[in-house]
PDB file of N, CA and C in Angstrom:
ATOM      1  N   MET A   1     174.043 -70.096  -0.363  1.00  0.00           N
ATOM      2  CA  MET A   1     174.215 -69.335  -0.457  1.00  0.00           C
ATOM      3  C   MET A   1     175.352 -67.731  -0.581  1.00  0.00           C
ATOM      4  N   ALA A   2     175.922 -68.867   1.065  1.00  0.00           N
ATOM      5  CA  ALA A   2     176.878 -67.620   1.686  1.00  0.00           C
ATOM      6  C   ALA A   2     178.304 -67.858   0.549  1.00  0.00           C
ATOM      7  N   GLU A   3     178.530 -69.233  -0.013  1.00  0.00           N
ATOM      8  CA  GLU A   3     178.670 -69.760  -0.935  1.00  0.00           C
ATOM      9  C   GLU A   3     179.656 -68.806  -2.483  1.00  0.00           C
ATOM     10  N   GLY A   4     178.575 -68.714  -2.595  1.00  0.00           N
ATOM     11  CA  GLY A   4     178.292 -67.910  -4.220  1.00  0.00           C
ATOM     12  C   GLY A   4     178.002 -66.419  -4.209  1.00  0.00           C
ATOM     13  N   ASN A   5     178.724 -66.203  -2.417  1.00  0.00           N
ATOM     14  CA  ASN A   5     178.459 -64.091  -2.692  1.00  0.00           C
ATOM     15  C   ASN A   5     178.887 -63.971  -2.696  1.00  0.00           C
ATOM     16  N   PRO A   6     179.119 -62.974  -3.897  1.00  0.00           N
ATOM     17  CA  PRO A   6     180.329 -61.962  -3.862  1.00  0.00           C
ATOM     18  C   PRO A   6     181.205 -60.783  -2.904  1.00  0.00           C
ATOM     19  N   MET A   7     180.229 -61.265  -1.727  1.00  0.00           N
ATOM     20  CA  MET A   7     180.709 -60.179  -0.546  1.00  0.00           C
ATOM     21  C   MET A   7     181.630 -60.370   0.048  1.00  0.00           C
ATOM     22  N   LEU A   8     180.947 -61.574   0.834  1.00  0.00           N
ATOM     23  CA  LEU A   8     181.604 -62.961   0.952  1.00  0.00           C
ATOM     24  C   LEU A   8     182.757 -63.298   0.313  1.00  0.00           C
ATOM     25  N   ALA A   9     183.337 -63.637  -0.906  1.00  0.00           N
ATOM     26  CA  ALA A   9     184.099 -63.766  -1.665  1.00  0.00           C
ATOM     27  C   ALA A   9     184.917 -62.967  -1.510  1.00  0.00           C
ATOM     28  N   LEU A  10     184.676 -61.862  -1.694  1.00  0.00           N
ATOM     29  CA  LEU A  10     185.339 -60.816  -1.263  1.00  0.00           C
ATOM     30  C   LEU A  10     186.316 -60.642  -0.136  1.00  0.00           C
ATOM     31  N   GLU A  11     186.061 -60.919   1.232  1.00  0.00           N
ATOM     32  CA  GLU A  11     185.737 -60.807   1.983  1.00  0.00           C
ATOM     33  C   GLU A  11     186.577 -62.123   3.013  1.00  0.00           C
ATOM     34  N   ARG A  12     186.459 -63.492   2.119  1.00  0.00           N
ATOM     35  CA  ARG A  12     187.457 -64.516   2.416  1.00  0.00           C
ATOM     36  C   ARG A  12     188.775 -64.301   1.437  1.00  0.00           C
ATOM     37  N   GLY A  13     188.360 -63.584   0.846  1.00  0.00           N
ATOM     38  CA  GLY A  13     190.039 -63.151   0.386  1.00  0.00           C
ATOM     39  C   GLY A  13     190.120 -64.007  -1.529  1.00  0.00           C
ATOM     40  N   GLU A  14     189.198 -65.369  -1.726  1.00  0.00           N
ATOM     41  CA  GLU A  14     189.110 -65.521  -2.561  1.00  0.00           C
ATOM     42  C   GLU A  14     189.741 -64.676  -3.788  1.00  0.00           C
ATOM     43  N   ALA A  15     190.573 -65.132  -4.939  1.00  0.00           N
ATOM     44  CA  ALA A  15     191.116 -64.220  -6.747  1.00  0.00           C
ATOM     45  C   ALA A  15     190.357 -63.733  -7.095  1.00  0.00           C
ATOM     46  N   VAL A  16     189.355 -63.083  -7.021  1.00  0.00           N
ATOM     47  CA  VAL A  16     188.539 -62.727  -7.816  1.00  0.00           C
ATOM     48  C   VAL A  16     188.645 -61.837  -9.365  1.00  0.00           C
ATOM     49  N   LEU A  17     188.045 -61.772 -10.605  1.00  0.00           N
ATOM     50  CA  LEU A  17     188.492 -60.799 -11.629  1.00  0.00           C
ATOM     51  C   LEU A  17     187.576 -59.188 -10.892  1.00  0.00           C
ATOM     52  N   THR A  18     188.382 -58.452 -10.843  1.00  0.00           N
ATOM     53  CA  THR A  18     188.572 -57.144 -10.422  1.00  0.00           C
ATOM     54  C   THR A  18     188.065 -55.769 -11.632  1.00  0.00           C
ATOM     55  N   PRO A  19     187.173 -55.875 -12.665  1.00  0.00           N
ATOM     56  CA  PRO A  19     187.153 -55.411 -13.926  1.00  0.00           C
ATOM     57  C   PRO A  19     186.726 -53.895 -13.372  1.00  0.00           C
ATOM     58  N   PRO A  20     186.720 -52.407 -14.006  1.00  0.00           N
ATOM     59  CA  PRO A  20     186.414 -51.448 -13.645  1.00  0.00           C
ATOM     60  C   PRO A  20     184.923 -51.821 -13.519  1.00  0.00           C
ATOM     61  N   ALA A  21     183.946 -51.208 -12.169  1.00  0.00           N
ATOM     62  CA  ALA A  21     182.512 -51.216 -12.357  1.00  0.00           C
ATOM     63  C   ALA A  21     182.011 -50.507 -11.053  1.00  0.00           C
ATOM     64  N   ILE A  22     180.557 -50.269 -11.740  1.00  0.00           N
ATOM     65  CA  ILE A  22     180.176 -48.835 -10.606  1.00  0.00           C
ATOM     66  C   ILE A  22     178.282 -50.111 -10.062  1.00  0.00           C
ATOM     67  N   LEU A  23     178.319 -49.434  -9.237  1.00  0.00           N
ATOM     68  CA  LEU A  23     177.136 -50.082  -8.528  1.00  0.00           C
ATOM     69  C   LEU A  23     176.141 -48.388  -8.097  1.00  0.00           C
ATOM     70  N   ILE A  24     174.557 -49.251  -8.607  1.00  0.00           N
ATOM     71  CA  ILE A  24     173.732 -47.724  -9.524  1.00  0.00           C
ATOM     72  C   ILE A  24     173.147 -48.295  -7.911  1.00  0.00           C
ATOM     73  N   GLN A  25     173.056 -48.162  -7.198  1.00  0.00           N
ATOM     74  CA  GLN A  25     172.074 -48.552  -5.333  1.00  0.00           C
ATOM     75  C   GLN A  25     171.151 -47.410  -5.166  1.00  0.00           C
ATOM     76  N   GLY A  26     169.349 -48.141  -5.470  1.00  0.00           N
ATOM     77  CA  GLY A  26     168.207 -47.161  -5.294  1.00  0.00           C
ATOM     78  C   GLY A  26     168.522 -46.613  -3.769  1.00  0.00           C
ATOM     79  N   ARG A  27     167.446 -45.279  -2.919  1.00  0.00           N
ATOM     80  CA  ARG A  27     167.205 -44.989  -2.211  1.00  0.00           C
ATOM     81  C   ARG A  27     165.625 -44.691  -2.529  1.00  0.00           C
ATOM     82  N   PRO A  28     164.835 -44.548  -0.938  1.00  0.00           N
ATOM     83  CA  PRO A  28     165.216 -46.189   0.389  1.00  0.00           C
ATOM     84  C   PRO A  28     165.310 -46.954  -0.457  1.00  0.00           C
ATOM     85  N   ASP A  29     166.132 -48.597  -0.199  1.00  0.00           N
ATOM     86  CA  ASP A  29     166.145 -50.253   0.014  1.00  0.00           C
ATOM     87  C   ASP A  29     166.436 -50.331   1.031  1.00  0.00           C
ATOM     88  N   PRO A  30     165.518 -50.758   2.002  1.00  0.00           N
ATOM     89  CA  PRO A  30     166.048 -51.266   3.530  1.00  0.00           C
ATOM     90  C   PRO A  30     166.715 -52.865   2.984  1.00  0.00           C
ATOM     91  N   VAL A  31     165.992 -53.618   1.652  1.00  0.00           N
ATOM     92  CA  VAL A  31     166.549 -54.971   1.043  1.00  0.00           C
ATOM     93  C   VAL A  31     168.633 -54.958   1.466  1.00  0.00           C
ATOM     94  N   HIS A  32     168.556 -53.861   0.493  1.00  0.00           N
ATOM     95  CA  HIS A  32     169.974 -53.800  -0.030  1.00  0.00           C
ATOM     96  C   HIS A  32     171.586 -52.569   0.827  1.00  0.00           C
ATOM     97  N   ASP A  33     170.110 -52.015   1.275  1.00  0.00           N
ATOM     98  CA  ASP A  33     170.811 -50.551   1.689  1.00  0.00           C
ATOM     99  C   ASP A  33     170.680 -50.512   3.252  1.00  0.00           C
ATOM    100  N   TYR A  34     171.872 -52.193   3.518  1.00  0.00           N
ATOM    101  CA  TYR A  34     171.553 -52.016   5.438  1.00  0.00           C
ATOM    102  C   TYR A  34     172.847 -51.778   5.391  1.00  0.00           C
ATOM    103  N   ARG A  35     173.126 -52.228   6.684  1.00  0.00           N
ATOM    104  CA  ARG A  35     174.426 -52.677   7.696  1.00  0.00           C
ATOM    105  C   ARG A  35     174.754 -53.074   8.789  1.00  0.00           C
ATOM    106  N   ASP A  36     175.691 -54.520   8.201  1.00  0.00           N
ATOM    107  CA  ASP A  36     176.092 -55.613   8.157  1.00  0.00           C
ATOM    108  C   ASP A  36     176.007 -55.884  10.108  1.00  0.00           C
ATOM    109  N   ILE A  37     175.311 -56.042  10.985  1.00  0.00           N
ATOM    110  CA  ILE A  37     175.964 -55.951  12.509  1.00  0.00           C
ATOM    111  C   ILE A  37     177.046 -57.146  12.407  1.00  0.00           C
ATOM    112  N   ASP A  38     176.674 -57.928  11.972  1.00  0.00           N
ATOM    113  CA  ASP A  38     178.274 -58.746  12.213  1.00  0.00           C
ATOM    114  C   ASP A  38     179.358 -58.691  11.012  1.00  0.00           C
ATOM    115  N   SER A  39     179.394 -57.271  10.634  1.00  0.00           N
ATOM    116  CA  SER A  39     180.330 -57.383   9.742  1.00  0.00           C
ATOM    117  C   SER A  39     180.945 -56.178  10.437  1.00  0.00           C
ATOM    118  N   ALA A  40     182.489 -56.239   9.988  1.00  0.00           N
ATOM    119  CA  ALA A  40     184.340 -55.475  10.287  1.00  0.00           C
ATOM    120  C   ALA A  40     183.712 -53.891  10.377  1.00  0.00           C
ATOM    121  N   LEU A  41     183.752 -53.672   9.241  1.00  0.00           N
ATOM    122  CA  LEU A  41     183.152 -52.277   8.486  1.00  0.00           C
ATOM    123  C   LEU A  41     181.686 -51.680   8.835  1.00  0.00           C
ATOM    124  N   ASP A  42     181.997 -49.804   9.472  1.00  0.00           N
ATOM    125  CA  ASP A  42     180.293 -49.933   9.553  1.00  0.00           C
ATOM    126  C   ASP A  42     179.922 -48.936   8.758  1.00  0.00           C
ATOM    127  N   THR A  43     180.029 -49.660   7.864  1.00  0.00           N
ATOM    128  CA  THR A  43     178.848 -48.922   6.492  1.00  0.00           C
ATOM    129  C   THR A  43     178.266 -49.501   6.098  1.00  0.00           C
ATOM    130  N   ASN A  44     177.566 -48.474   5.105  1.00  0.00           N
ATOM    131  CA  ASN A  44     176.484 -49.135   4.264  1.00  0.00           C
ATOM    132  C   ASN A  44     176.750 -51.080   3.682  1.00  0.00           C
ATOM    133  N   GLU A  45     175.843 -51.657   3.030  1.00  0.00           N
ATOM    134  CA  GLU A  45     175.959 -52.467   2.479  1.00  0.00           C
ATOM    135  C   GLU A  45     176.686 -52.018   0.823  1.00  0.00           C
ATOM    136  N   PRO A  46     176.257 -50.950   0.426  1.00  0.00           N
ATOM    137  CA  PRO A  46     177.642 -50.955  -1.283  1.00  0.00           C
ATOM    138  C   PRO A  46     178.156 -50.313  -1.031  1.00  0.00           C
ATOM    139  N   GLU A  47     179.028 -49.795  -0.060  1.00  0.00           N
ATOM    140  CA  GLU A  47     180.216 -48.901   0.838  1.00  0.00           C
ATOM    141  C   GLU A  47     180.606 -50.111   0.618  1.00  0.00           C
ATOM    142  N   ARG A  48     180.298 -51.661   1.666  1.00  0.00           N
ATOM    143  CA  ARG A  48     181.480 -51.834   2.419  1.00  0.00           C
ATOM    144  C   ARG A  48     181.602 -53.068   1.176  1.00  0.00           C
ATOM    145  N   PHE A  49     180.174 -53.560   0.080  1.00  0.00           N
ATOM    146  CA  PHE A  49     180.983 -53.989  -1.292  1.00  0.00           C
ATOM    147  C   PHE A  49     182.238 -53.500  -1.536  1.00  0.00           C
ATOM    148  N   ALA A  50     181.975 -51.905  -1.343  1.00  0.00           N
ATOM    149  CA  ALA A  50     182.835 -50.951  -2.947  1.00  0.00           C
ATOM    150  C   ALA A  50     184.316 -51.123  -1.468  1.00  0.00           C
ATOM    151  N   GLN A  51     184.165 -51.196  -0.220  1.00  0.00           N
ATOM    152  CA  GLN A  51     185.639 -50.995  -0.530  1.00  0.00           C
ATOM    153  C   GLN A  51     185.911 -52.459  -0.646  1.00  0.00           C
ATOM    154  N   ARG A  52     186.102 -53.744   0.147  1.00  0.00           N
ATOM    155  CA  ARG A  52     186.280 -54.416  -0.530  1.00  0.00           C
ATOM    156  C   ARG A  52     186.600 -54.478  -1.551  1.00  0.00           C
ATOM    157  N   TYR A  53     185.249 -54.540  -2.665  1.00  0.00           N
ATOM    158  CA  TYR A  53     185.949 -54.306  -3.627  1.00  0.00           C
ATOM    159  C   TYR A  53     187.178 -53.701  -4.643  1.00  0.00           C
ATOM    160  N   ARG A  54     187.274 -52.498  -3.710  1.00  0.00           N
ATOM    161  CA  ARG A  54     189.132 -51.703  -3.766  1.00  0.00           C
ATOM    162  C   ARG A  54     190.012 -52.288  -3.511  1.00  0.00           C
ATOM    163  N   GLU A  55     189.655 -53.305  -2.773  1.00  0.00           N
ATOM    164  CA  GLU A  55     190.990 -53.396  -1.534  1.00  0.00           C
ATOM    165  C   GLU A  55     191.020 -54.917  -2.504  1.00  0.00           C
ATOM    166  N   ALA A  56     190.513 -54.907  -2.357  1.00  0.00           N
ATOM    167  CA  ALA A  56     190.878 -56.749  -3.397  1.00  0.00           C
ATOM    168  C   ALA A  56     191.563 -56.006  -4.284  1.00  0.00           C
ATOM    169  N   GLY A  57     191.580 -55.092  -5.043  1.00  0.00           N
ATOM    170  CA  GLY A  57     192.340 -54.967  -6.601  1.00  0.00           C
ATOM    171  C   GLY A  57     191.936 -53.700  -7.696  1.00  0.00           C
ATOM    172  N   GLY A  58     190.289 -53.189  -6.980  1.00  0.00           N
ATOM    173  CA  GLY A  58     190.018 -52.897  -8.559  1.00  0.00           C
ATOM    174  C   GLY A  58     188.740 -51.723  -8.228  1.00  0.00           C
ATOM    175  N   SER A  59     188.432 -51.309  -9.004  1.00  0.00           N
ATOM    176  CA  SER A  59     187.964 -50.114  -9.168  1.00  0.00           C
ATOM    177  C   SER A  59     186.353 -49.466  -9.216  1.00  0.00           C
ATOM    178  N   LEU A  60     185.516 -48.986  -8.118  1.00  0.00           N
ATOM    179  CA  LEU A  60     184.148 -49.395  -8.048  1.00  0.00           C
ATOM    180  C   LEU A  60     183.440 -48.137  -7.489  1.00  0.00           C
ATOM    181  N   GLU A  61     182.448 -47.618  -8.304  1.00  0.00           N
ATOM    182  CA  GLU A  61     182.475 -46.160  -8.486  1.00  0.00           C
ATOM    183  C   GLU A  61     180.318 -46.588  -8.441  1.00  0.00           C
ATOM    184  N   VAL A  62     179.841 -46.429  -6.830  1.00  0.00           N
ATOM    185  CA  VAL A  62     179.040 -46.180  -6.311  1.00  0.00           C
ATOM    186  C   VAL A  62     177.782 -44.652  -6.338  1.00  0.00           C
ATOM    187  N   ARG A  63     176.772 -44.843  -7.014  1.00  0.00           N
ATOM    188  CA  ARG A  63     176.013 -44.036  -7.150  1.00  0.00           C
ATOM    189  C   ARG A  63     175.160 -44.655  -6.592  1.00  0.00           C
ATOM    190  N   TYR A  64     174.243 -42.941  -6.151  1.00  0.00           N
ATOM    191  CA  TYR A  64     172.637 -43.479  -5.334  1.00  0.00           C
ATOM    192  C   TYR A  64     171.734 -42.691  -6.133  1.00  0.00           C
ATOM    193  N   ILE A  65     170.818 -43.929  -7.017  1.00  0.00           N
ATOM    194  CA  ILE A  65     170.018 -42.919  -6.672  1.00  0.00           C
ATOM    195  C   ILE A  65     168.685 -42.619  -6.602  1.00  0.00           C
ATOM    196  N   ASP A  66     166.861 -42.597  -7.292  1.00  0.00           N
ATOM    197  CA  ASP A  66     166.413 -42.500  -5.973  1.00  0.00           C
ATOM    198  C   ASP A  66     164.926 -43.644  -6.774  1.00  0.00           C
ATOM    199  N   GLN A  67     165.185 -44.631  -5.134  1.00  0.00           N
ATOM    200  CA  GLN A  67     164.423 -45.632  -5.829  1.00  0.00           C
ATOM    201  C   GLN A  67     162.940 -45.548  -6.828  1.00  0.00           C
ATOM    202  N   SER A  68     162.169 -44.737  -6.802  1.00  0.00           N
ATOM    203  CA  SER A  68     161.295 -44.803  -7.445  1.00  0.00           C
ATOM    204  C   SER A  68     161.885 -44.050  -9.121  1.00  0.00           C
ATOM    205  N   ASP A  69     162.371 -43.874  -8.453  1.00  0.00           N
ATOM    206  CA  ASP A  69     163.225 -43.519 -10.526  1.00  0.00           C
ATOM    207  C   ASP A  69     164.556 -44.531 -10.764  1.00  0.00           C
ATOM    208  N   GLN A  70     164.579 -45.445 -10.529  1.00  0.00           N
ATOM    209  CA  GLN A  70     164.614 -45.995 -10.321  1.00  0.00           C
ATOM    210  C   GLN A  70     165.765 -47.112 -12.044  1.00  0.00           C
ATOM    211  N   VAL A  71     164.696 -47.439 -13.057  1.00  0.00           N
ATOM    212  CA  VAL A  71     165.099 -47.360 -14.050  1.00  0.00           C
ATOM    213  C   VAL A  71     165.964 -46.169 -15.012  1.00  0.00           C
ATOM    214  N   SER A  72     164.862 -45.318 -15.207  1.00  0.00           N
ATOM    215  CA  SER A  72     165.090 -44.019 -15.508  1.00  0.00           C
ATOM    216  C   SER A  72     166.917 -43.074 -14.994  1.00  0.00           C
ATOM    217  N   GLY A  73     166.721 -43.181 -13.816  1.00  0.00           N
ATOM    218  CA  GLY A  73     167.597 -42.703 -13.345  1.00  0.00           C
ATOM    219  C   GLY A  73     168.441 -43.262 -13.311  1.00  0.00           C
ATOM    220  N   CYS A  74     168.846 -45.257 -13.853  1.00  0.00           N
ATOM    221  CA  CYS A  74     170.367 -45.415 -13.892  1.00  0.00           C
ATOM    222  C   CYS A  74     170.770 -45.094 -15.033  1.00  0.00           C
ATOM    223  N   LEU A  75     170.532 -44.267 -15.785  1.00  0.00           N
ATOM    224  CA  LEU A  75     170.919 -44.526 -17.297  1.00  0.00           C
ATOM    225  C   LEU A  75     171.283 -44.031 -17.419  1.00  0.00           C
ATOM    226  N   ALA A  76     171.672 -42.365 -16.779  1.00  0.00           N
ATOM    227  CA  ALA A  76     172.543 -41.031 -16.875  1.00  0.00           C
ATOM    228  C   ALA A  76     173.882 -40.872 -15.762  1.00  0.00           C
ATOM    229  N   PRO A  77     173.899 -42.462 -15.020  1.00  0.00           N
ATOM    230  CA  PRO A  77     175.097 -42.629 -14.224  1.00  0.00           C
ATOM    231  C   PRO A  77     175.740 -43.886 -15.348  1.00  0.00           C
ATOM    232  N   LEU A  78     174.592 -44.397 -15.917  1.00  0.00           N
ATOM    233  CA  LEU A  78     175.945 -45.823 -16.409  1.00  0.00           C
ATOM    234  C   LEU A  78     176.333 -45.444 -17.899  1.00  0.00           C
ATOM    235  N   ALA A  79     175.523 -44.707 -18.368  1.00  0.00           N
ATOM    236  CA  ALA A  79     175.996 -43.245 -19.477  1.00  0.00           C
ATOM    237  C   ALA A  79     177.649 -43.642 -19.716  1.00  0.00           C
ATOM    238  N   GLN A  80     177.652 -42.785 -18.780  1.00  0.00           N
ATOM    239  CA  GLN A  80     178.849 -41.400 -18.369  1.00  0.00           C
ATOM    240  C   GLN A  80     179.506 -43.013 -17.842  1.00  0.00           C
ATOM    241  N   PHE A  81     180.000 -43.737 -17.168  1.00  0.00           N
ATOM    242  CA  PHE A  81     180.463 -44.688 -16.439  1.00  0.00           C
ATOM    243  C   PHE A  81     180.511 -45.743 -18.194  1.00  0.00           C
ATOM    244  N   LEU A  82     180.115 -46.266 -18.545  1.00  0.00           N
ATOM    245  CA  LEU A  82     180.654 -46.032 -19.722  1.00  0.00           C
ATOM    246  C   LEU A  82     181.911 -45.975 -20.957  1.00  0.00           C
ATOM    247  N   THR A  83     180.777 -44.446 -21.027  1.00  0.00           N
ATOM    248  CA  THR A  83     181.703 -44.100 -21.781  1.00  0.00           C
ATOM    249  C   THR A  83     182.768 -43.736 -21.319  1.00  0.00           C
ATOM    250  N   GLN A  84     182.925 -43.733 -20.078  1.00  0.00           N
ATOM    251  CA  GLN A  84     184.822 -43.269 -19.303  1.00  0.00           C
ATOM    252  C   GLN A  84     185.485 -44.583 -19.594  1.00  0.00           C
ATOM    253  N   GLN A  85     185.188 -45.163 -19.136  1.00  0.00           N
ATOM    254  CA  GLN A  85     185.529 -46.668 -19.333  1.00  0.00           C
ATOM    255  C   GLN A  85     185.922 -47.120 -21.386  1.00  0.00           C
ATOM    256  N   LEU A  86     186.007 -46.519 -21.845  1.00  0.00           N
ATOM    257  CA  LEU A  86     185.508 -47.263 -23.273  1.00  0.00           C
ATOM    258  C   LEU A  86     186.024 -46.184 -24.083  1.00  0.00           C
ATOM    259  N   VAL A  87     185.939 -44.654 -23.830  1.00  0.00           N
ATOM    260  CA  VAL A  87     186.267 -43.710 -24.377  1.00  0.00           C
ATOM    261  C   VAL A  87     187.572 -43.173 -23.923  1.00  0.00           C
ATOM    262  N   GLY A  88     187.381 -43.634 -23.224  1.00  0.00           N
ATOM    263  CA  GLY A  88     189.035 -42.885 -21.792  1.00  0.00           C
ATOM    264  C   GLY A  88     188.334 -41.599 -21.103  1.00  0.00           C
TER     265      GLY A  88
END
């Protein structure tokens, strides 16, 4: 699991592709929205990933949505991101 973990690959400094990306995170989400006490960064998991992704040269936007509305709640931010990337 550690070998294929995108977060750990970034933290190991592996060469990875970093196209513009969006991370849509539901809240509350105890599985993903937490702080790893073993991390050098004092941020929650989505923000930690975003920081490491940016440090690797990528552009990543983190958007939070209500966990109870995760299916329809992610459509607008995703459509906005795709429009921005594809149309400019």
